[in-house]
Amino acid sequence: MRKFLLFIAALCCVTMVSAIEGALPGRFTINENGDQVQFAQGNLQYQPSTGKWRFAPNQYTVLLAENENIINPEYTGWLDLFAWGTGDNPIKLSFNNEDYTFFTDWGSNPIENGGNTPNEWRTLSKKEWDKLFDWDRMAMANVCGIDGYIYLPGNWELPSDLTFVTASDAEDFSANTYNPTEWAKMEAAGALFLPVCGYGWYQTYWDELIFSVATLTMAYWTCDSYSNTEAYVLYQKDVRNLTMEWSRRAFFGVRLVHDVNTEGIEQPSSDSSLKGRANKVLRNGILLIERNGRTYNAQGAQVR
């Protein structure tokens, strides 16, 4: 009981910060209005045998050729390459473009290490990805032995004992190389890493249907379509990335984002008559914060 009372008292002295399980600390601005997102801790993964979703344990974790097991609906491992908009059927394999007409966001599913609640996450649009392109805040890199691209948030401060070569000067992945200890510092400072995740396609070979993966390609889906048969994808191009159109039947990586609650919860005033005062309540044994007609959990996320 004493510990609980101390916890209640501590809440009166701090400003709540919006947070969610599975989100990286870096906050990235995605439009001219200043809206921000936090990226997931790793690429999205799906387990066919159970229908479960999760985020990879690290930003640099990729499955590559393991995705060739997509042809087996009872596969007990994990997949991390998906055709466009297949949040409702991640193992859909078809040569018919009409089977990929509608976009279902992968974030509409409960993700077991991402809060496990539907619709907590979403896929960025083409314009939102484009907003992140800044040659002074991105570069090729090799993180823990995996090639990929680093993006830096607006409030970035490089850890004092590390170096970072921007895209303007980095000509290959070896320009920025970080071991696990060094990368932990970069990540804590807000760095985003998109690994070379591979590219999958479905085809016939000697009358046999097969799924193949090219392991040297980096591409991530957007939520935007380009035509009836194509959608926009974030694609690796020389020392930088760009969004371009591609067949919806291609299989690319997915890195979801969580929208930052920029309103947050203000520190309560000592004057209980002031508008904006935060009140602490218990509901079914769970501590919640009420302010201006809205309810938040202890992590600052709004709840009903």
C-alpha atoms as a PDB file:
ATOM      1  CA  MET A   1       0.000   0.000   0.000  1.00  0.00           C
ATOM      2  CA  ARG A   2       2.854   2.388   0.848  1.00  0.00           C
ATOM      3  CA  LYS A   3       4.447   1.818  -2.555  1.00  0.00           C
ATOM      4  CA  PHE A   4       1.125   2.564  -4.248  1.00  0.00           C
ATOM      5  CA  LEU A   5       0.734   5.834  -2.327  1.00  0.00           C
ATOM      6  CA  LEU A   6       4.269   6.849  -3.263  1.00  0.00           C
ATOM      7  CA  PHE A   7       3.440   6.122  -6.900  1.00  0.00           C
ATOM      8  CA  ILE A   8       0.326   8.322  -6.677  1.00  0.00           C
ATOM      9  CA  ALA A   9       2.362  11.112  -5.098  1.00  0.00           C
ATOM     10  CA  ALA A  10       4.989  10.882  -7.800  1.00  0.00           C
ATOM     11  CA  LEU A  11       2.376  11.386 -10.495  1.00  0.00           C
ATOM     12  CA  CYS A  12       1.588  14.792  -9.028  1.00  0.00           C
ATOM     13  CA  CYS A  13       5.159  15.926  -9.638  1.00  0.00           C
ATOM     14  CA  VAL A  14       5.783  14.847 -13.229  1.00  0.00           C
ATOM     15  CA  THR A  15       4.432  15.585 -16.655  1.00  0.00           C
ATOM     16  CA  MET A  16       3.043  12.485 -18.358  1.00  0.00           C
ATOM     17  CA  VAL A  17       4.642  11.501 -21.680  1.00  0.00           C
ATOM     18  CA  SER A  18       2.802   9.535 -24.358  1.00  0.00           C
ATOM     19  CA  ALA A  19       4.282   6.061 -24.788  1.00  0.00           C
ATOM     20  CA  ILE A  20       3.319   2.672 -26.165  1.00  0.00           C
ATOM     21  CA  GLU A  21       4.832  -0.779 -26.007  1.00  0.00           C
ATOM     22  CA  GLY A  22       7.108  -1.509 -28.959  1.00  0.00           C
ATOM     23  CA  ALA A  23       7.748   2.129 -29.935  1.00  0.00           C
ATOM     24  CA  LEU A  24      11.230   3.560 -30.460  1.00  0.00           C
ATOM     25  CA  PRO A  25      12.128   6.768 -28.593  1.00  0.00           C
ATOM     26  CA  GLY A  26      12.767   8.909 -31.692  1.00  0.00           C
ATOM     27  CA  ARG A  27       9.961  11.235 -32.812  1.00  0.00           C
ATOM     28  CA  PHE A  28       9.777  12.054 -36.511  1.00  0.00           C
ATOM     29  CA  THR A  29       7.827  14.918 -38.089  1.00  0.00           C
ATOM     30  CA  ILE A  30       5.750  13.649 -41.026  1.00  0.00           C
ATOM     31  CA  ASN A  31       3.997  16.742 -42.423  1.00  0.00           C
ATOM     32  CA  GLU A  32       3.987  20.534 -42.504  1.00  0.00           C
ATOM     33  CA  ASN A  33       1.561  20.623 -39.577  1.00  0.00           C
ATOM     34  CA  GLY A  34       4.267  19.225 -37.334  1.00  0.00           C
ATOM     35  CA  ASP A  35       2.524  15.917 -36.610  1.00  0.00           C
ATOM     36  CA  GLN A  36       4.915  13.294 -35.286  1.00  0.00           C
ATOM     37  CA  VAL A  37       5.197   9.520 -35.147  1.00  0.00           C
ATOM     38  CA  GLN A  38       7.289   6.927 -33.371  1.00  0.00           C
ATOM     39  CA  PHE A  39       8.451   3.922 -35.364  1.00  0.00           C
ATOM     40  CA  ALA A  40       8.064   0.319 -34.250  1.00  0.00           C
ATOM     41  CA  GLN A  41      11.073  -1.357 -32.646  1.00  0.00           C
ATOM     42  CA  GLY A  42      11.518  -3.602 -35.695  1.00  0.00           C
ATOM     43  CA  ASN A  43       9.938  -4.828 -38.922  1.00  0.00           C
ATOM     44  CA  LEU A  44       6.502  -6.425 -38.761  1.00  0.00           C
ATOM     45  CA  GLN A  45       6.400 -10.232 -38.582  1.00  0.00           C
ATOM     46  CA  TYR A  46       3.601 -12.795 -39.034  1.00  0.00           C
ATOM     47  CA  GLN A  47       3.317 -16.447 -37.970  1.00  0.00           C
ATOM     48  CA  PRO A  48       1.109 -18.462 -40.398  1.00  0.00           C
ATOM     49  CA  SER A  49       0.390 -21.388 -38.063  1.00  0.00           C
ATOM     50  CA  THR A  50      -1.108 -19.181 -35.335  1.00  0.00           C
ATOM     51  CA  GLY A  51      -2.140 -16.004 -37.151  1.00  0.00           C
ATOM     52  CA  LYS A  52      -0.125 -13.935 -34.662  1.00  0.00           C
ATOM     53  CA  TRP A  53       1.649 -10.635 -35.374  1.00  0.00           C
ATOM     54  CA  ARG A  54       4.703  -9.211 -33.660  1.00  0.00           C
ATOM     55  CA  PHE A  55       7.546  -6.738 -34.169  1.00  0.00           C
ATOM     56  CA  ALA A  56      11.069  -8.031 -34.705  1.00  0.00           C
ATOM     57  CA  PRO A  57      13.089  -7.814 -31.483  1.00  0.00           C
ATOM     58  CA  ASN A  58      15.598  -5.394 -33.028  1.00  0.00           C
ATOM     59  CA  GLN A  59      15.617  -2.795 -35.780  1.00  0.00           C
ATOM     60  CA  TYR A  60      18.267  -4.790 -37.638  1.00  0.00           C
ATOM     61  CA  THR A  61      16.453  -8.173 -37.501  1.00  0.00           C
ATOM     62  CA  VAL A  62      15.461  -9.539 -40.933  1.00  0.00           C
ATOM     63  CA  LEU A  63      14.256 -12.991 -42.010  1.00  0.00           C
ATOM     64  CA  LEU A  64      15.190 -12.873 -45.720  1.00  0.00           C
ATOM     65  CA  ALA A  65      14.934 -16.367 -47.309  1.00  0.00           C
ATOM     66  CA  GLU A  66      12.804 -17.672 -44.440  1.00  0.00           C
ATOM     67  CA  ASN A  67       9.942 -15.910 -46.224  1.00  0.00           C
ATOM     68  CA  GLU A  68       9.985 -18.666 -48.852  1.00  0.00           C
ATOM     69  CA  ASN A  69       7.982 -20.694 -46.318  1.00  0.00           C
ATOM     70  CA  ILE A  70       4.961 -18.512 -47.090  1.00  0.00           C
ATOM     71  CA  ILE A  71       3.683 -21.308 -49.357  1.00  0.00           C
ATOM     72  CA  ASN A  72       3.074 -23.396 -46.207  1.00  0.00           C
ATOM     73  CA  PRO A  73       0.076 -22.083 -44.208  1.00  0.00           C
ATOM     74  CA  GLU A  74       1.110 -24.309 -41.269  1.00  0.00           C
ATOM     75  CA  TYR A  75       4.594 -22.803 -41.058  1.00  0.00           C
ATOM     76  CA  THR A  76       5.487 -22.269 -37.388  1.00  0.00           C
ATOM     77  CA  GLY A  77       8.249 -19.750 -38.055  1.00  0.00           C
ATOM     78  CA  TRP A  78       7.792 -16.083 -38.922  1.00  0.00           C
ATOM     79  CA  LEU A  79       7.513 -14.052 -42.142  1.00  0.00           C
ATOM     80  CA  ASP A  80       8.376 -10.378 -42.701  1.00  0.00           C
ATOM     81  CA  LEU A  81       7.632  -9.788 -46.408  1.00  0.00           C
ATOM     82  CA  PHE A  82       4.081  -9.054 -47.555  1.00  0.00           C
ATOM     83  CA  ALA A  83       2.160  -8.089 -50.670  1.00  0.00           C
ATOM     84  CA  TRP A  84       0.554  -4.633 -50.595  1.00  0.00           C
ATOM     85  CA  GLY A  85      -2.291  -4.067 -48.148  1.00  0.00           C
ATOM     86  CA  THR A  86      -2.513  -7.668 -46.925  1.00  0.00           C
ATOM     87  CA  GLY A  87      -3.253  -6.887 -43.304  1.00  0.00           C
ATOM     88  CA  ASP A  88      -6.301  -9.154 -43.625  1.00  0.00           C
ATOM     89  CA  ASN A  89      -4.483 -11.993 -45.431  1.00  0.00           C
ATOM     90  CA  PRO A  90      -0.672 -11.790 -45.106  1.00  0.00           C
ATOM     91  CA  ILE A  91      -0.026 -15.097 -46.890  1.00  0.00           C
ATOM     92  CA  LYS A  92      -2.102 -14.208 -49.950  1.00  0.00           C
ATOM     93  CA  LEU A  93      -0.406 -15.490 -53.117  1.00  0.00           C
ATOM     94  CA  SER A  94      -1.977 -14.565 -56.449  1.00  0.00           C
ATOM     95  CA  PHE A  95      -1.105 -13.670 -60.034  1.00  0.00           C
ATOM     96  CA  ASN A  96      -4.351 -11.688 -60.292  1.00  0.00           C
ATOM     97  CA  ASN A  97      -3.927  -7.958 -59.629  1.00  0.00           C
ATOM     98  CA  GLU A  98      -7.602  -7.708 -58.684  1.00  0.00           C
ATOM     99  CA  ASP A  99      -6.852  -9.774 -55.588  1.00  0.00           C
ATOM    100  CA  TYR A 100      -4.823  -6.815 -54.291  1.00  0.00           C
ATOM    101  CA  THR A 101      -7.353  -4.082 -55.053  1.00  0.00           C
ATOM    102  CA  PHE A 102      -8.078  -2.975 -51.503  1.00  0.00           C
ATOM    103  CA  PHE A 103      -5.614  -1.881 -48.832  1.00  0.00           C
ATOM    104  CA  THR A 104      -6.007  -3.324 -45.350  1.00  0.00           C
ATOM    105  CA  ASP A 105      -3.454  -1.800 -43.007  1.00  0.00           C
ATOM    106  CA  TRP A 106      -1.310  -4.307 -41.159  1.00  0.00           C
ATOM    107  CA  GLY A 107      -1.630  -2.077 -38.099  1.00  0.00           C
ATOM    108  CA  SER A 108      -5.324  -2.917 -37.843  1.00  0.00           C
ATOM    109  CA  ASN A 109      -4.261  -6.188 -36.195  1.00  0.00           C
ATOM    110  CA  PRO A 110      -3.310  -6.657 -32.528  1.00  0.00           C
ATOM    111  CA  ILE A 111       0.483  -6.928 -32.364  1.00  0.00           C
ATOM    112  CA  GLU A 112       1.553  -8.978 -29.377  1.00  0.00           C
ATOM    113  CA  ASN A 113       4.608  -6.894 -28.430  1.00  0.00           C
ATOM    114  CA  GLY A 114       3.080  -3.627 -29.662  1.00  0.00           C
ATOM    115  CA  GLY A 115       0.284  -3.171 -27.150  1.00  0.00           C
ATOM    116  CA  ASN A 116      -1.732  -6.147 -28.490  1.00  0.00           C
ATOM    117  CA  THR A 117      -4.626  -3.821 -29.354  1.00  0.00           C
ATOM    118  CA  PRO A 118      -6.103  -3.383 -32.868  1.00  0.00           C
ATOM    119  CA  ASN A 119      -5.494  -0.122 -34.746  1.00  0.00           C
ATOM    120  CA  GLU A 120      -2.673   1.115 -32.488  1.00  0.00           C
ATOM    121  CA  TRP A 121      -0.269   1.231 -35.471  1.00  0.00           C
ATOM    122  CA  ARG A 122      -0.396   2.224 -39.127  1.00  0.00           C
ATOM    123  CA  THR A 123       1.562   2.415 -42.393  1.00  0.00           C
ATOM    124  CA  LEU A 124       3.051   5.730 -43.543  1.00  0.00           C
ATOM    125  CA  SER A 125       1.848   7.358 -46.766  1.00  0.00           C
ATOM    126  CA  LYS A 126       4.102   8.331 -49.667  1.00  0.00           C
ATOM    127  CA  LYS A 127       4.073  11.992 -48.627  1.00  0.00           C
ATOM    128  CA  GLU A 128       4.941  11.096 -45.054  1.00  0.00           C
ATOM    129  CA  TRP A 129       7.926   9.002 -46.136  1.00  0.00           C
ATOM    130  CA  ASP A 130       9.011  11.812 -48.471  1.00  0.00           C
ATOM    131  CA  LYS A 131       8.952  14.232 -45.559  1.00  0.00           C
ATOM    132  CA  LEU A 132      11.661  12.186 -43.846  1.00  0.00           C
ATOM    133  CA  PHE A 133      14.119  12.517 -46.738  1.00  0.00           C
ATOM    134  CA  ASP A 134      16.942  14.805 -45.642  1.00  0.00           C
ATOM    135  CA  TRP A 135      20.484  14.116 -46.778  1.00  0.00           C
ATOM    136  CA  ASP A 136      21.810  15.643 -43.575  1.00  0.00           C
ATOM    137  CA  ARG A 137      19.724  13.252 -41.466  1.00  0.00           C
ATOM    138  CA  MET A 138      20.032   9.943 -43.309  1.00  0.00           C
ATOM    139  CA  ALA A 139      22.793   7.665 -44.565  1.00  0.00           C
ATOM    140  CA  MET A 140      23.781   4.150 -45.556  1.00  0.00           C
ATOM    141  CA  ALA A 141      25.006   2.055 -42.636  1.00  0.00           C
ATOM    142  CA  ASN A 142      25.864  -1.400 -41.362  1.00  0.00           C
ATOM    143  CA  VAL A 143      24.284  -2.102 -37.995  1.00  0.00           C
ATOM    144  CA  CYS A 144      25.274  -5.279 -36.178  1.00  0.00           C
ATOM    145  CA  GLY A 145      26.312  -6.866 -39.467  1.00  0.00           C
ATOM    146  CA  ILE A 146      23.176  -5.870 -41.419  1.00  0.00           C
ATOM    147  CA  ASP A 147      23.173  -3.277 -44.220  1.00  0.00           C
ATOM    148  CA  GLY A 148      20.486  -0.621 -44.301  1.00  0.00           C
ATOM    149  CA  TYR A 149      19.617   3.061 -43.951  1.00  0.00           C
ATOM    150  CA  ILE A 150      19.612   5.317 -40.900  1.00  0.00           C
ATOM    151  CA  TYR A 151      17.162   8.206 -40.448  1.00  0.00           C
ATOM    152  CA  LEU A 152      17.570  10.804 -37.697  1.00  0.00           C
ATOM    153  CA  PRO A 153      14.802  12.774 -35.934  1.00  0.00           C
ATOM    154  CA  GLY A 154      14.728  16.574 -35.818  1.00  0.00           C
ATOM    155  CA  ASN A 155      16.012  16.848 -32.235  1.00  0.00           C
ATOM    156  CA  TRP A 156      18.944  14.541 -32.910  1.00  0.00           C
ATOM    157  CA  GLU A 157      22.149  14.762 -30.882  1.00  0.00           C
ATOM    158  CA  LEU A 158      24.965  12.405 -31.827  1.00  0.00           C
ATOM    159  CA  PRO A 159      26.394  10.469 -28.848  1.00  0.00           C
ATOM    160  CA  SER A 160      29.728  12.065 -28.012  1.00  0.00           C
ATOM    161  CA  ASP A 161      31.859   8.967 -28.589  1.00  0.00           C
ATOM    162  CA  LEU A 162      30.373   8.038 -32.013  1.00  0.00           C
ATOM    163  CA  THR A 163      30.560   9.338 -35.585  1.00  0.00           C
ATOM    164  CA  PHE A 164      27.950   9.664 -38.339  1.00  0.00           C
ATOM    165  CA  VAL A 165      28.606  10.236 -42.045  1.00  0.00           C
ATOM    166  CA  THR A 166      25.601  11.714 -43.880  1.00  0.00           C
ATOM    167  CA  ALA A 167      24.210  10.504 -47.215  1.00  0.00           C
ATOM    168  CA  SER A 168      26.031  13.324 -48.997  1.00  0.00           C
ATOM    169  CA  ASP A 169      29.368  11.741 -48.096  1.00  0.00           C
ATOM    170  CA  ALA A 170      28.531   8.063 -47.514  1.00  0.00           C
ATOM    171  CA  GLU A 171      29.089   6.043 -50.676  1.00  0.00           C
ATOM    172  CA  ASP A 172      28.410   2.573 -49.291  1.00  0.00           C
ATOM    173  CA  PHE A 173      27.085   0.763 -46.238  1.00  0.00           C
ATOM    174  CA  SER A 174      30.499   0.629 -44.566  1.00  0.00           C
ATOM    175  CA  ALA A 175      30.531   4.414 -44.140  1.00  0.00           C
ATOM    176  CA  ASN A 176      28.674   4.024 -40.838  1.00  0.00           C
ATOM    177  CA  THR A 177      29.359   0.812 -38.937  1.00  0.00           C
ATOM    178  CA  TYR A 178      27.985   0.155 -35.454  1.00  0.00           C
ATOM    179  CA  ASN A 179      28.353  -2.826 -33.144  1.00  0.00           C
ATOM    180  CA  PRO A 180      25.532  -3.735 -30.676  1.00  0.00           C
ATOM    181  CA  THR A 181      26.871  -1.458 -27.920  1.00  0.00           C
ATOM    182  CA  GLU A 182      27.312   1.498 -30.259  1.00  0.00           C
ATOM    183  CA  TRP A 183      23.930   0.986 -31.894  1.00  0.00           C
ATOM    184  CA  ALA A 184      22.189   0.882 -28.511  1.00  0.00           C
ATOM    185  CA  LYS A 185      23.467   4.437 -27.953  1.00  0.00           C
ATOM    186  CA  MET A 186      22.302   5.572 -31.412  1.00  0.00           C
ATOM    187  CA  GLU A 187      18.878   4.056 -30.903  1.00  0.00           C
ATOM    188  CA  ALA A 188      18.499   5.591 -27.434  1.00  0.00           C
ATOM    189  CA  ALA A 189      19.249   8.977 -29.022  1.00  0.00           C
ATOM    190  CA  GLY A 190      16.368   8.426 -31.472  1.00  0.00           C
ATOM    191  CA  ALA A 191      17.950   6.889 -34.595  1.00  0.00           C
ATOM    192  CA  LEU A 192      15.784   4.843 -36.963  1.00  0.00           C
ATOM    193  CA  PHE A 193      17.319   1.947 -38.915  1.00  0.00           C
ATOM    194  CA  LEU A 194      15.644   0.304 -41.915  1.00  0.00           C
ATOM    195  CA  PRO A 195      17.535  -2.880 -42.781  1.00  0.00           C
ATOM    196  CA  VAL A 196      17.897  -4.419 -46.223  1.00  0.00           C
ATOM    197  CA  CYS A 197      14.914  -6.726 -45.797  1.00  0.00           C
ATOM    198  CA  GLY A 198      14.777  -8.508 -49.159  1.00  0.00           C
ATOM    199  CA  TYR A 199      12.144  -8.676 -51.872  1.00  0.00           C
ATOM    200  CA  GLY A 200       9.807 -11.573 -52.618  1.00  0.00           C
ATOM    201  CA  TRP A 201       7.825 -12.664 -55.659  1.00  0.00           C
ATOM    202  CA  TYR A 202       5.508 -15.518 -56.589  1.00  0.00           C
ATOM    203  CA  GLN A 203       6.070 -17.388 -59.858  1.00  0.00           C
ATOM    204  CA  THR A 204       5.843 -20.662 -61.749  1.00  0.00           C
ATOM    205  CA  TYR A 205       8.925 -22.747 -62.436  1.00  0.00           C
ATOM    206  CA  TRP A 206       8.591 -25.934 -64.491  1.00  0.00           C
ATOM    207  CA  ASP A 207       4.860 -26.004 -63.685  1.00  0.00           C
ATOM    208  CA  GLU A 208       5.609 -25.643 -59.975  1.00  0.00           C
ATOM    209  CA  LEU A 209       4.439 -22.630 -57.969  1.00  0.00           C
ATOM    210  CA  ILE A 210       7.303 -21.204 -55.908  1.00  0.00           C
ATOM    211  CA  PHE A 211       8.071 -18.149 -53.808  1.00  0.00           C
ATOM    212  CA  SER A 212      11.539 -16.623 -54.148  1.00  0.00           C
ATOM    213  CA  VAL A 213      13.387 -13.938 -52.206  1.00  0.00           C
ATOM    214  CA  ALA A 214      16.128 -11.593 -53.407  1.00  0.00           C
ATOM    215  CA  THR A 215      18.131 -10.711 -50.305  1.00  0.00           C
ATOM    216  CA  LEU A 216      19.970  -7.590 -51.485  1.00  0.00           C
ATOM    217  CA  THR A 217      16.982  -5.277 -51.927  1.00  0.00           C
ATOM    218  CA  MET A 218      15.650  -2.749 -49.433  1.00  0.00           C
ATOM    219  CA  ALA A 219      12.017  -1.775 -49.944  1.00  0.00           C
ATOM    220  CA  TYR A 220       9.141  -0.890 -47.605  1.00  0.00           C
ATOM    221  CA  TRP A 221       5.477  -0.420 -48.456  1.00  0.00           C
ATOM    222  CA  THR A 222       3.522   2.833 -48.176  1.00  0.00           C
ATOM    223  CA  CYS A 223      -0.258   2.852 -47.788  1.00  0.00           C
ATOM    224  CA  ASP A 224      -0.780   4.716 -51.100  1.00  0.00           C
ATOM    225  CA  SER A 225      -1.728   3.245 -54.446  1.00  0.00           C
ATOM    226  CA  TYR A 226      -0.343   4.513 -57.753  1.00  0.00           C
ATOM    227  CA  SER A 227      -2.694   2.766 -60.186  1.00  0.00           C
ATOM    228  CA  ASN A 228      -5.093  -0.169 -60.216  1.00  0.00           C
ATOM    229  CA  THR A 229      -2.152  -2.556 -60.213  1.00  0.00           C
ATOM    230  CA  GLU A 230       0.665  -0.598 -58.521  1.00  0.00           C
ATOM    231  CA  ALA A 231       1.387   1.063 -55.183  1.00  0.00           C
ATOM    232  CA  TYR A 232       4.142   3.288 -53.828  1.00  0.00           C
ATOM    233  CA  VAL A 233       7.099   1.752 -52.067  1.00  0.00           C
ATOM    234  CA  LEU A 234      10.126   3.209 -50.269  1.00  0.00           C
ATOM    235  CA  TYR A 235      12.996   1.857 -52.343  1.00  0.00           C
ATOM    236  CA  GLN A 236      16.772   1.748 -52.113  1.00  0.00           C
ATOM    237  CA  LYS A 237      18.478   3.827 -54.801  1.00  0.00           C
ATOM    238  CA  ASP A 238      22.244   4.364 -54.702  1.00  0.00           C
ATOM    239  CA  VAL A 239      23.135   6.271 -51.488  1.00  0.00           C
ATOM    240  CA  ARG A 240      19.597   7.416 -50.742  1.00  0.00           C
ATOM    241  CA  ASN A 241      15.989   6.269 -50.766  1.00  0.00           C
ATOM    242  CA  LEU A 242      12.972   7.398 -52.745  1.00  0.00           C
ATOM    243  CA  THR A 243       9.312   6.483 -53.121  1.00  0.00           C
ATOM    244  CA  MET A 244       8.395   4.893 -56.419  1.00  0.00           C
ATOM    245  CA  GLU A 245       5.613   2.794 -57.916  1.00  0.00           C
ATOM    246  CA  TRP A 246       5.731  -1.010 -57.929  1.00  0.00           C
ATOM    247  CA  SER A 247       3.430  -3.974 -58.530  1.00  0.00           C
ATOM    248  CA  ARG A 248       1.120  -4.652 -55.605  1.00  0.00           C
ATOM    249  CA  ARG A 249       1.926  -8.354 -56.003  1.00  0.00           C
ATOM    250  CA  ALA A 250       5.522  -7.790 -54.908  1.00  0.00           C
ATOM    251  CA  PHE A 251       6.457  -8.724 -51.348  1.00  0.00           C
ATOM    252  CA  PHE A 252       8.239  -6.003 -49.360  1.00  0.00           C
ATOM    253  CA  GLY A 253       8.956  -5.143 -45.741  1.00  0.00           C
ATOM    254  CA  VAL A 254       6.623  -3.245 -43.411  1.00  0.00           C
ATOM    255  CA  ARG A 255       7.694  -0.838 -40.644  1.00  0.00           C
ATOM    256  CA  LEU A 256       4.679   0.560 -38.819  1.00  0.00           C
ATOM    257  CA  VAL A 257       4.370   3.811 -36.882  1.00  0.00           C
ATOM    258  CA  HIS A 258       2.408   5.019 -33.881  1.00  0.00           C
ATOM    259  CA  ASP A 259       1.007   8.567 -33.884  1.00  0.00           C
ATOM    260  CA  VAL A 260       2.381  10.683 -31.059  1.00  0.00           C
ATOM    261  CA  ASN A 261      -0.182  12.205 -28.726  1.00  0.00           C
ATOM    262  CA  THR A 262       1.141  15.753 -28.946  1.00  0.00           C
ATOM    263  CA  GLU A 263      -1.472  17.102 -26.551  1.00  0.00           C
ATOM    264  CA  GLY A 264      -0.114  14.940 -23.738  1.00  0.00           C
ATOM    265  CA  ILE A 265      -1.131  15.496 -20.134  1.00  0.00           C
ATOM    266  CA  GLU A 266      -0.148  18.731 -18.438  1.00  0.00           C
ATOM    267  CA  GLN A 267       1.296  18.819 -14.963  1.00  0.00           C
ATOM    268  CA  PRO A 268      -1.598  19.390 -12.568  1.00  0.00           C
ATOM    269  CA  SER A 269      -1.825  22.771 -10.899  1.00  0.00           C
ATOM    270  CA  SER A 270      -1.979  23.212  -7.126  1.00  0.00           C
ATOM    271  CA  ASP A 271      -5.183  25.188  -7.710  1.00  0.00           C
ATOM    272  CA  SER A 272      -7.939  22.601  -8.193  1.00  0.00           C
ATOM    273  CA  SER A 273     -10.211  25.244  -9.757  1.00  0.00           C
ATOM    274  CA  LEU A 274      -7.918  25.732 -12.752  1.00  0.00           C
ATOM    275  CA  LYS A 275      -8.982  24.217 -16.060  1.00  0.00           C
ATOM    276  CA  GLY A 276      -6.714  21.400 -17.179  1.00  0.00           C
ATOM    277  CA  ARG A 277      -6.194  19.863 -13.762  1.00  0.00           C
ATOM    278  CA  ALA A 278      -5.371  16.158 -13.974  1.00  0.00           C
ATOM    279  CA  ASN A 279      -7.210  13.864 -11.592  1.00  0.00           C
ATOM    280  CA  LYS A 280      -6.100  10.322 -10.738  1.00  0.00           C
ATOM    281  CA  VAL A 281      -8.769   7.607 -10.581  1.00  0.00           C
ATOM    282  CA  LEU A 282      -8.841   3.842 -10.144  1.00  0.00           C
ATOM    283  CA  ARG A 283     -10.946   1.831 -12.584  1.00  0.00           C
ATOM    284  CA  ASN A 284     -11.074  -1.934 -12.132  1.00  0.00           C
ATOM    285  CA  GLY A 285      -7.822  -1.728 -10.214  1.00  0.00           C
ATOM    286  CA  ILE A 286      -6.049   0.254 -12.962  1.00  0.00           C
ATOM    287  CA  LEU A 287      -4.698   3.751 -12.311  1.00  0.00           C
ATOM    288  CA  LEU A 288      -5.991   6.277 -14.877  1.00  0.00           C
ATOM    289  CA  ILE A 289      -5.631  10.035 -15.345  1.00  0.00           C
ATOM    290  CA  GLU A 290      -8.622  12.264 -16.198  1.00  0.00           C
ATOM    291  CA  ARG A 291      -8.152  15.697 -17.729  1.00  0.00           C
ATOM    292  CA  ASN A 292     -10.472  17.972 -19.716  1.00  0.00           C
ATOM    293  CA  GLY A 293     -13.025  15.223 -20.202  1.00  0.00           C
ATOM    294  CA  ARG A 294     -10.490  12.690 -21.496  1.00  0.00           C
ATOM    295  CA  THR A 295      -8.987   9.632 -19.826  1.00  0.00           C
ATOM    296  CA  TYR A 296      -5.378   8.442 -20.152  1.00  0.00           C
ATOM    297  CA  ASN A 297      -3.465   5.447 -18.855  1.00  0.00           C
ATOM    298  CA  ALA A 298      -0.244   5.723 -16.852  1.00  0.00           C
ATOM    299  CA  GLN A 299       1.780   5.785 -20.087  1.00  0.00           C
ATOM    300  CA  GLY A 300      -0.103   8.818 -21.392  1.00  0.00           C
ATOM    301  CA  ALA A 301      -2.119   7.000 -24.084  1.00  0.00           C
ATOM    302  CA  GLN A 302      -5.797   7.989 -24.323  1.00  0.00           C
ATOM    303  CA  VAL A 303      -8.308   5.298 -23.361  1.00  0.00           C
ATOM    304  CA  ARG A 304     -12.093   5.133 -23.416  1.00  0.00           C
END
